[in-house]
């Protein structure tokens, strides 16, 4: 009897940001955090995980730097490809998808250095069952919706609100089909909402429901200068 093919998992790590909000000439993913670049921690987490391969998506001018000074320097074994991203996040994900060879993909921000092994395992388990799942944590604060003059319009019920993190995980077949439908709609000139995360493409272009799985509040994204000392505290903990 022919042995069943083992399902493959790929992590797509996005590292094409410019660090504009960090007030730094160095992109945030290359800034040092406790003796290592921010990007190191995400790659290390996936290199140590059960994913089969990692695709690193970076700026076109940073490919050689990432390959030599990050991947080779730190000895990451699972990074299969380093590819140039697109002009927007979702286009960078598409470039990563084209380079991946997997049944499931976990898409992660390279500027989230505190991703842990359990969250990766939970994502891998959930995506097999759900086909689309995202990490998130319940909001702790009251959220207000405002109008264009900053007056409150309404107050959504807090128990229904989540702060969404990465990785966001999908069946490769589902996500690539969602992208094809998105590009087709764009080519037809259809009016579409701005895409702010990976799950939105599946939400807008398919009938598949996206499952939220509980993440950790420590899984912060390095976006502004005050995030660096916070990340250092979590690393020490």
C-alpha atoms as a PDB file:
ATOM      1  CA  UNK A   1       0.000   0.000   0.000  1.00  0.00           C
ATOM      2  CA  UNK A   2       1.332   3.411  -0.951  1.00  0.00           C
ATOM      3  CA  UNK A   3       2.163   5.531   2.082  1.00  0.00           C
ATOM      4  CA  UNK A   4       0.097   8.705   2.443  1.00  0.00           C
ATOM      5  CA  UNK A   5       1.943  11.917   1.713  1.00  0.00           C
ATOM      6  CA  UNK A   6       2.739  13.894   4.853  1.00  0.00           C
ATOM      7  CA  UNK A   7       1.230  17.351   4.889  1.00  0.00           C
ATOM      8  CA  UNK A   8       3.775  20.135   4.695  1.00  0.00           C
ATOM      9  CA  UNK A   9       3.830  23.455   6.551  1.00  0.00           C
ATOM     10  CA  UNK A  10       5.645  26.630   5.545  1.00  0.00           C
ATOM     11  CA  UNK A  11       6.172  29.812   7.525  1.00  0.00           C
ATOM     12  CA  UNK A  12       6.214  33.026   5.516  1.00  0.00           C
ATOM     13  CA  UNK A  13       8.058  35.649   7.574  1.00  0.00           C
ATOM     14  CA  UNK A  14       7.481  39.221   6.413  1.00  0.00           C
ATOM     15  CA  UNK A  15      10.421  41.551   6.861  1.00  0.00           C
ATOM     16  CA  UNK A  16      10.051  44.280   4.252  1.00  0.00           C
ATOM     17  CA  UNK A  17       9.094  47.152   6.582  1.00  0.00           C
ATOM     18  CA  UNK A  18      10.934  50.470   6.614  1.00  0.00           C
ATOM     19  CA  UNK A  19      10.676  51.365  10.310  1.00  0.00           C
ATOM     20  CA  UNK A  20       9.132  54.777   9.568  1.00  0.00           C
ATOM     21  CA  UNK A  21       7.343  54.981  12.918  1.00  0.00           C
ATOM     22  CA  UNK A  22      10.476  53.939  14.824  1.00  0.00           C
ATOM     23  CA  UNK A  23      12.180  57.279  14.028  1.00  0.00           C
ATOM     24  CA  UNK A  24      15.224  55.296  12.967  1.00  0.00           C
ATOM     25  CA  UNK A  25      17.352  54.993   9.845  1.00  0.00           C
ATOM     26  CA  UNK A  26      17.557  51.264  10.539  1.00  0.00           C
ATOM     27  CA  UNK A  27      14.491  49.176   9.609  1.00  0.00           C
ATOM     28  CA  UNK A  28      12.900  47.885  12.807  1.00  0.00           C
ATOM     29  CA  UNK A  29      13.469  44.232  11.904  1.00  0.00           C
ATOM     30  CA  UNK A  30      17.250  44.778  11.931  1.00  0.00           C
ATOM     31  CA  UNK A  31      17.405  46.797  15.158  1.00  0.00           C
ATOM     32  CA  UNK A  32      19.213  45.027  17.984  1.00  0.00           C
ATOM     33  CA  UNK A  33      17.125  43.542  20.779  1.00  0.00           C
ATOM     34  CA  UNK A  34      19.181  42.000  23.589  1.00  0.00           C
ATOM     35  CA  UNK A  35      22.206  41.211  21.353  1.00  0.00           C
ATOM     36  CA  UNK A  36      20.232  39.928  18.343  1.00  0.00           C
ATOM     37  CA  UNK A  37      18.337  41.609  15.489  1.00  0.00           C
ATOM     38  CA  UNK A  38      14.570  41.720  15.996  1.00  0.00           C
ATOM     39  CA  UNK A  39      14.134  39.467  12.954  1.00  0.00           C
ATOM     40  CA  UNK A  40      16.371  36.792  14.503  1.00  0.00           C
ATOM     41  CA  UNK A  41      13.778  35.827  17.089  1.00  0.00           C
ATOM     42  CA  UNK A  42      10.957  35.100  14.639  1.00  0.00           C
ATOM     43  CA  UNK A  43      13.221  33.053  12.385  1.00  0.00           C
ATOM     44  CA  UNK A  44      14.608  31.164  15.386  1.00  0.00           C
ATOM     45  CA  UNK A  45      11.107  30.305  16.615  1.00  0.00           C
ATOM     46  CA  UNK A  46      10.105  28.794  13.270  1.00  0.00           C
ATOM     47  CA  UNK A  47      13.501  27.153  12.723  1.00  0.00           C
ATOM     48  CA  UNK A  48      12.983  25.326  16.031  1.00  0.00           C
ATOM     49  CA  UNK A  49       9.342  24.448  15.254  1.00  0.00           C
ATOM     50  CA  UNK A  50       7.778  21.595  13.288  1.00  0.00           C
ATOM     51  CA  UNK A  51       7.267  23.655  10.117  1.00  0.00           C
ATOM     52  CA  UNK A  52       9.039  22.173   7.113  1.00  0.00           C
ATOM     53  CA  UNK A  53      10.370  25.371   5.580  1.00  0.00           C
ATOM     54  CA  UNK A  54      10.578  29.126   6.000  1.00  0.00           C
ATOM     55  CA  UNK A  55      10.294  31.754   3.274  1.00  0.00           C
ATOM     56  CA  UNK A  56      11.703  35.139   4.266  1.00  0.00           C
ATOM     57  CA  UNK A  57      10.185  38.108   2.426  1.00  0.00           C
ATOM     58  CA  UNK A  58      12.252  41.276   2.557  1.00  0.00           C
ATOM     59  CA  UNK A  59      12.988  44.458   0.640  1.00  0.00           C
ATOM     60  CA  UNK A  60      14.552  44.010  -2.784  1.00  0.00           C
ATOM     61  CA  UNK A  61      17.735  45.737  -1.605  1.00  0.00           C
ATOM     62  CA  UNK A  62      18.026  43.626   1.546  1.00  0.00           C
ATOM     63  CA  UNK A  63      18.066  40.125   0.070  1.00  0.00           C
ATOM     64  CA  UNK A  64      21.844  39.655   0.171  1.00  0.00           C
ATOM     65  CA  UNK A  65      22.079  41.192   3.633  1.00  0.00           C
ATOM     66  CA  UNK A  66      19.369  38.899   5.016  1.00  0.00           C
ATOM     67  CA  UNK A  67      20.839  35.835   3.393  1.00  0.00           C
ATOM     68  CA  UNK A  68      24.399  36.448   4.611  1.00  0.00           C
ATOM     69  CA  UNK A  69      24.053  38.424   7.834  1.00  0.00           C
ATOM     70  CA  UNK A  70      20.884  36.825   9.200  1.00  0.00           C
ATOM     71  CA  UNK A  71      20.209  33.384   7.693  1.00  0.00           C
ATOM     72  CA  UNK A  72      23.796  32.186   7.182  1.00  0.00           C
ATOM     73  CA  UNK A  73      25.296  34.076  10.116  1.00  0.00           C
ATOM     74  CA  UNK A  74      22.896  32.520  12.634  1.00  0.00           C
ATOM     75  CA  UNK A  75      22.750  29.132  10.907  1.00  0.00           C
ATOM     76  CA  UNK A  76      19.009  28.928  10.220  1.00  0.00           C
ATOM     77  CA  UNK A  77      18.409  25.595   8.482  1.00  0.00           C
ATOM     78  CA  UNK A  78      14.787  25.869   7.373  1.00  0.00           C
ATOM     79  CA  UNK A  79      14.956  29.128   5.415  1.00  0.00           C
ATOM     80  CA  UNK A  80      14.378  27.816   1.898  1.00  0.00           C
ATOM     81  CA  UNK A  81      14.186  31.166   0.112  1.00  0.00           C
ATOM     82  CA  UNK A  82      14.711  34.886   0.625  1.00  0.00           C
ATOM     83  CA  UNK A  83      12.512  36.827  -1.786  1.00  0.00           C
ATOM     84  CA  UNK A  84      11.647  40.451  -2.498  1.00  0.00           C
ATOM     85  CA  UNK A  85       8.306  41.710  -1.268  1.00  0.00           C
ATOM     86  CA  UNK A  86       5.753  43.897  -2.998  1.00  0.00           C
ATOM     87  CA  UNK A  87       4.620  47.479  -2.579  1.00  0.00           C
ATOM     88  CA  UNK A  88       2.003  46.477   0.031  1.00  0.00           C
ATOM     89  CA  UNK A  89       1.833  43.799   2.688  1.00  0.00           C
ATOM     90  CA  UNK A  90      -0.610  41.566   0.853  1.00  0.00           C
ATOM     91  CA  UNK A  91       1.578  41.662  -2.257  1.00  0.00           C
ATOM     92  CA  UNK A  92       4.564  40.628  -0.141  1.00  0.00           C
ATOM     93  CA  UNK A  93       2.551  37.671   1.130  1.00  0.00           C
ATOM     94  CA  UNK A  94       1.789  36.735  -2.470  1.00  0.00           C
ATOM     95  CA  UNK A  95       5.508  36.700  -3.299  1.00  0.00           C
ATOM     96  CA  UNK A  96       6.063  34.439  -0.306  1.00  0.00           C
ATOM     97  CA  UNK A  97       3.267  32.128  -1.375  1.00  0.00           C
ATOM     98  CA  UNK A  98       4.804  31.716  -4.823  1.00  0.00           C
ATOM     99  CA  UNK A  99       8.081  30.601  -3.231  1.00  0.00           C
ATOM    100  CA  UNK A 100       6.518  28.169  -0.733  1.00  0.00           C
ATOM    101  CA  UNK A 101       5.981  24.444  -1.196  1.00  0.00           C
ATOM    102  CA  UNK A 102       3.406  23.470   1.399  1.00  0.00           C
ATOM    103  CA  UNK A 103      -0.134  22.401   2.156  1.00  0.00           C
ATOM    104  CA  UNK A 104      -0.488  25.019   4.903  1.00  0.00           C
ATOM    105  CA  UNK A 105       1.161  28.390   5.426  1.00  0.00           C
ATOM    106  CA  UNK A 106       1.725  30.379   8.613  1.00  0.00           C
ATOM    107  CA  UNK A 107       2.216  34.077   7.827  1.00  0.00           C
ATOM    108  CA  UNK A 108       4.134  35.974  10.488  1.00  0.00           C
ATOM    109  CA  UNK A 109       5.420  39.503  11.022  1.00  0.00           C
ATOM    110  CA  UNK A 110       9.196  39.554  11.303  1.00  0.00           C
ATOM    111  CA  UNK A 111       8.728  42.436  13.757  1.00  0.00           C
ATOM    112  CA  UNK A 112       6.923  40.150  16.254  1.00  0.00           C
ATOM    113  CA  UNK A 113       9.969  38.654  18.000  1.00  0.00           C
ATOM    114  CA  UNK A 114       8.094  37.148  20.947  1.00  0.00           C
ATOM    115  CA  UNK A 115       6.157  34.447  19.129  1.00  0.00           C
ATOM    116  CA  UNK A 116       6.353  31.269  21.192  1.00  0.00           C
ATOM    117  CA  UNK A 117       6.489  27.565  20.386  1.00  0.00           C
ATOM    118  CA  UNK A 118       3.021  26.828  21.791  1.00  0.00           C
ATOM    119  CA  UNK A 119       1.336  29.480  19.623  1.00  0.00           C
ATOM    120  CA  UNK A 120       3.021  28.027  16.547  1.00  0.00           C
ATOM    121  CA  UNK A 121       1.916  24.499  17.495  1.00  0.00           C
ATOM    122  CA  UNK A 122      -1.638  25.678  18.160  1.00  0.00           C
ATOM    123  CA  UNK A 123      -1.739  27.429  14.780  1.00  0.00           C
ATOM    124  CA  UNK A 124      -0.517  24.317  12.977  1.00  0.00           C
ATOM    125  CA  UNK A 125      -3.119  22.140  14.676  1.00  0.00           C
ATOM    126  CA  UNK A 126      -5.987  24.585  14.133  1.00  0.00           C
ATOM    127  CA  UNK A 127      -5.301  25.270  10.454  1.00  0.00           C
ATOM    128  CA  UNK A 128      -5.571  21.579   9.584  1.00  0.00           C
ATOM    129  CA  UNK A 129      -9.082  21.561  10.994  1.00  0.00           C
ATOM    130  CA  UNK A 130     -10.301  25.066  10.127  1.00  0.00           C
ATOM    131  CA  UNK A 131      -8.344  25.908   6.918  1.00  0.00           C
ATOM    132  CA  UNK A 132      -8.101  29.517   8.147  1.00  0.00           C
ATOM    133  CA  UNK A 133      -7.142  30.639  11.631  1.00  0.00           C
ATOM    134  CA  UNK A 134      -5.556  33.675  13.255  1.00  0.00           C
ATOM    135  CA  UNK A 135      -4.008  34.381  16.633  1.00  0.00           C
ATOM    136  CA  UNK A 136      -5.670  37.004  18.787  1.00  0.00           C
ATOM    137  CA  UNK A 137      -6.239  38.206  22.334  1.00  0.00           C
ATOM    138  CA  UNK A 138      -9.391  39.813  23.777  1.00  0.00           C
ATOM    139  CA  UNK A 139      -9.220  43.602  24.122  1.00  0.00           C
ATOM    140  CA  UNK A 140      -8.834  44.860  27.691  1.00  0.00           C
ATOM    141  CA  UNK A 141      -9.928  48.445  27.111  1.00  0.00           C
ATOM    142  CA  UNK A 142     -13.156  50.038  25.972  1.00  0.00           C
ATOM    143  CA  UNK A 143     -13.093  50.777  22.244  1.00  0.00           C
ATOM    144  CA  UNK A 144     -14.856  53.765  20.671  1.00  0.00           C
ATOM    145  CA  UNK A 145     -15.775  54.245  17.010  1.00  0.00           C
ATOM    146  CA  UNK A 146     -15.340  57.866  15.946  1.00  0.00           C
ATOM    147  CA  UNK A 147     -16.470  59.952  12.994  1.00  0.00           C
ATOM    148  CA  UNK A 148     -14.151  61.957  10.742  1.00  0.00           C
ATOM    149  CA  UNK A 149     -14.179  64.831  13.276  1.00  0.00           C
ATOM    150  CA  UNK A 150     -13.232  62.579  16.208  1.00  0.00           C
ATOM    151  CA  UNK A 151     -16.659  62.557  17.826  1.00  0.00           C
ATOM    152  CA  UNK A 152     -17.801  59.229  19.228  1.00  0.00           C
ATOM    153  CA  UNK A 153     -20.258  57.405  16.977  1.00  0.00           C
ATOM    154  CA  UNK A 154     -20.751  54.271  19.048  1.00  0.00           C
ATOM    155  CA  UNK A 155     -19.174  51.894  21.536  1.00  0.00           C
ATOM    156  CA  UNK A 156     -18.918  48.284  20.332  1.00  0.00           C
ATOM    157  CA  UNK A 157     -19.429  45.511  22.847  1.00  0.00           C
ATOM    158  CA  UNK A 158     -16.015  44.679  24.256  1.00  0.00           C
ATOM    159  CA  UNK A 159     -16.524  40.929  24.552  1.00  0.00           C
ATOM    160  CA  UNK A 160     -16.752  40.640  20.759  1.00  0.00           C
ATOM    161  CA  UNK A 161     -13.478  42.502  20.078  1.00  0.00           C
ATOM    162  CA  UNK A 162     -10.057  40.933  19.621  1.00  0.00           C
ATOM    163  CA  UNK A 163      -6.568  42.283  19.013  1.00  0.00           C
ATOM    164  CA  UNK A 164      -5.298  40.251  16.073  1.00  0.00           C
ATOM    165  CA  UNK A 165      -1.724  39.006  15.908  1.00  0.00           C
ATOM    166  CA  UNK A 166       0.357  36.708  13.736  1.00  0.00           C
ATOM    167  CA  UNK A 167       0.920  34.052  12.618  1.00  0.00           C
ATOM    168  CA  UNK A 168      -2.211  33.945  10.515  1.00  0.00           C
ATOM    169  CA  UNK A 169      -2.516  30.449   9.074  1.00  0.00           C
ATOM    170  CA  UNK A 170      -4.266  29.106   6.003  1.00  0.00           C
ATOM    171  CA  UNK A 171      -4.628  26.190   3.682  1.00  0.00           C
ATOM    172  CA  UNK A 172      -2.287  26.983   0.797  1.00  0.00           C
ATOM    173  CA  UNK A 173      -4.995  26.074  -1.712  1.00  0.00           C
ATOM    174  CA  UNK A 174      -7.571  28.292   0.009  1.00  0.00           C
ATOM    175  CA  UNK A 175      -5.311  31.323   0.254  1.00  0.00           C
ATOM    176  CA  UNK A 176      -3.962  31.149  -3.295  1.00  0.00           C
ATOM    177  CA  UNK A 177      -7.518  30.834  -4.647  1.00  0.00           C
ATOM    178  CA  UNK A 178      -8.548  33.853  -2.553  1.00  0.00           C
ATOM    179  CA  UNK A 179      -5.674  35.823  -4.071  1.00  0.00           C
ATOM    180  CA  UNK A 180      -6.661  34.816  -7.586  1.00  0.00           C
ATOM    181  CA  UNK A 181     -10.196  36.062  -6.947  1.00  0.00           C
ATOM    182  CA  UNK A 182      -8.829  39.283  -5.460  1.00  0.00           C
ATOM    183  CA  UNK A 183      -6.615  39.977  -8.465  1.00  0.00           C
ATOM    184  CA  UNK A 184      -9.484  39.176 -10.800  1.00  0.00           C
ATOM    185  CA  UNK A 185     -11.765  41.627  -8.953  1.00  0.00           C
ATOM    186  CA  UNK A 186      -9.061  44.297  -9.074  1.00  0.00           C
ATOM    187  CA  UNK A 187      -8.559  43.768 -12.809  1.00  0.00           C
ATOM    188  CA  UNK A 188     -12.296  44.244 -13.309  1.00  0.00           C
ATOM    189  CA  UNK A 189     -12.143  47.542 -11.440  1.00  0.00           C
ATOM    190  CA  UNK A 190     -14.362  46.400  -8.573  1.00  0.00           C
ATOM    191  CA  UNK A 191     -14.352  48.609  -5.489  1.00  0.00           C
ATOM    192  CA  UNK A 192     -12.765  46.704  -2.602  1.00  0.00           C
ATOM    193  CA  UNK A 193     -11.988  47.595   1.028  1.00  0.00           C
ATOM    194  CA  UNK A 194      -8.382  48.324   2.010  1.00  0.00           C
ATOM    195  CA  UNK A 195      -6.591  45.107   2.977  1.00  0.00           C
ATOM    196  CA  UNK A 196      -5.150  45.425   6.477  1.00  0.00           C
ATOM    197  CA  UNK A 197      -4.300  41.812   7.256  1.00  0.00           C
ATOM    198  CA  UNK A 198      -4.016  38.437   5.545  1.00  0.00           C
ATOM    199  CA  UNK A 199      -7.336  37.106   6.823  1.00  0.00           C
ATOM    200  CA  UNK A 200      -9.265  39.892   5.101  1.00  0.00           C
ATOM    201  CA  UNK A 201      -8.554  38.355   1.700  1.00  0.00           C
ATOM    202  CA  UNK A 202     -10.094  35.050   2.779  1.00  0.00           C
ATOM    203  CA  UNK A 203     -12.984  36.879   4.475  1.00  0.00           C
ATOM    204  CA  UNK A 204     -13.753  38.963   1.386  1.00  0.00           C
ATOM    205  CA  UNK A 205     -13.063  36.460  -1.375  1.00  0.00           C
ATOM    206  CA  UNK A 206     -14.227  33.079  -0.034  1.00  0.00           C
ATOM    207  CA  UNK A 207     -16.998  31.528   2.023  1.00  0.00           C
ATOM    208  CA  UNK A 208     -14.525  30.067   4.531  1.00  0.00           C
ATOM    209  CA  UNK A 209     -14.904  31.338   8.091  1.00  0.00           C
ATOM    210  CA  UNK A 210     -11.732  32.430   9.860  1.00  0.00           C
ATOM    211  CA  UNK A 211     -11.247  30.964  13.335  1.00  0.00           C
ATOM    212  CA  UNK A 212      -9.624  33.044  16.092  1.00  0.00           C
ATOM    213  CA  UNK A 213      -7.374  31.071  18.432  1.00  0.00           C
ATOM    214  CA  UNK A 214      -6.140  32.477  21.727  1.00  0.00           C
ATOM    215  CA  UNK A 215      -2.662  33.983  21.578  1.00  0.00           C
ATOM    216  CA  UNK A 216      -0.519  35.717  24.188  1.00  0.00           C
ATOM    217  CA  UNK A 217      -0.451  39.394  25.106  1.00  0.00           C
ATOM    218  CA  UNK A 218       3.351  39.240  25.019  1.00  0.00           C
ATOM    219  CA  UNK A 219       3.285  38.636  21.243  1.00  0.00           C
ATOM    220  CA  UNK A 220       3.669  42.337  20.512  1.00  0.00           C
ATOM    221  CA  UNK A 221       4.735  43.940  17.242  1.00  0.00           C
ATOM    222  CA  UNK A 222       7.717  46.279  17.263  1.00  0.00           C
ATOM    223  CA  UNK A 223       6.216  49.392  15.687  1.00  0.00           C
ATOM    224  CA  UNK A 224       7.164  52.466  17.728  1.00  0.00           C
ATOM    225  CA  UNK A 225      10.176  53.240  19.995  1.00  0.00           C
ATOM    226  CA  UNK A 226       8.380  52.408  23.238  1.00  0.00           C
ATOM    227  CA  UNK A 227       7.886  48.821  22.030  1.00  0.00           C
ATOM    228  CA  UNK A 228      11.619  48.050  22.370  1.00  0.00           C
ATOM    229  CA  UNK A 229      11.875  48.290  26.199  1.00  0.00           C
ATOM    230  CA  UNK A 230       8.580  46.407  26.488  1.00  0.00           C
ATOM    231  CA  UNK A 231       9.968  43.593  24.323  1.00  0.00           C
ATOM    232  CA  UNK A 232      13.133  43.513  26.438  1.00  0.00           C
ATOM    233  CA  UNK A 233      11.050  43.065  29.580  1.00  0.00           C
ATOM    234  CA  UNK A 234       9.106  40.176  28.045  1.00  0.00           C
ATOM    235  CA  UNK A 235      12.308  38.527  26.812  1.00  0.00           C
ATOM    236  CA  UNK A 236      13.828  38.657  30.284  1.00  0.00           C
ATOM    237  CA  UNK A 237      10.643  37.167  31.753  1.00  0.00           C
END
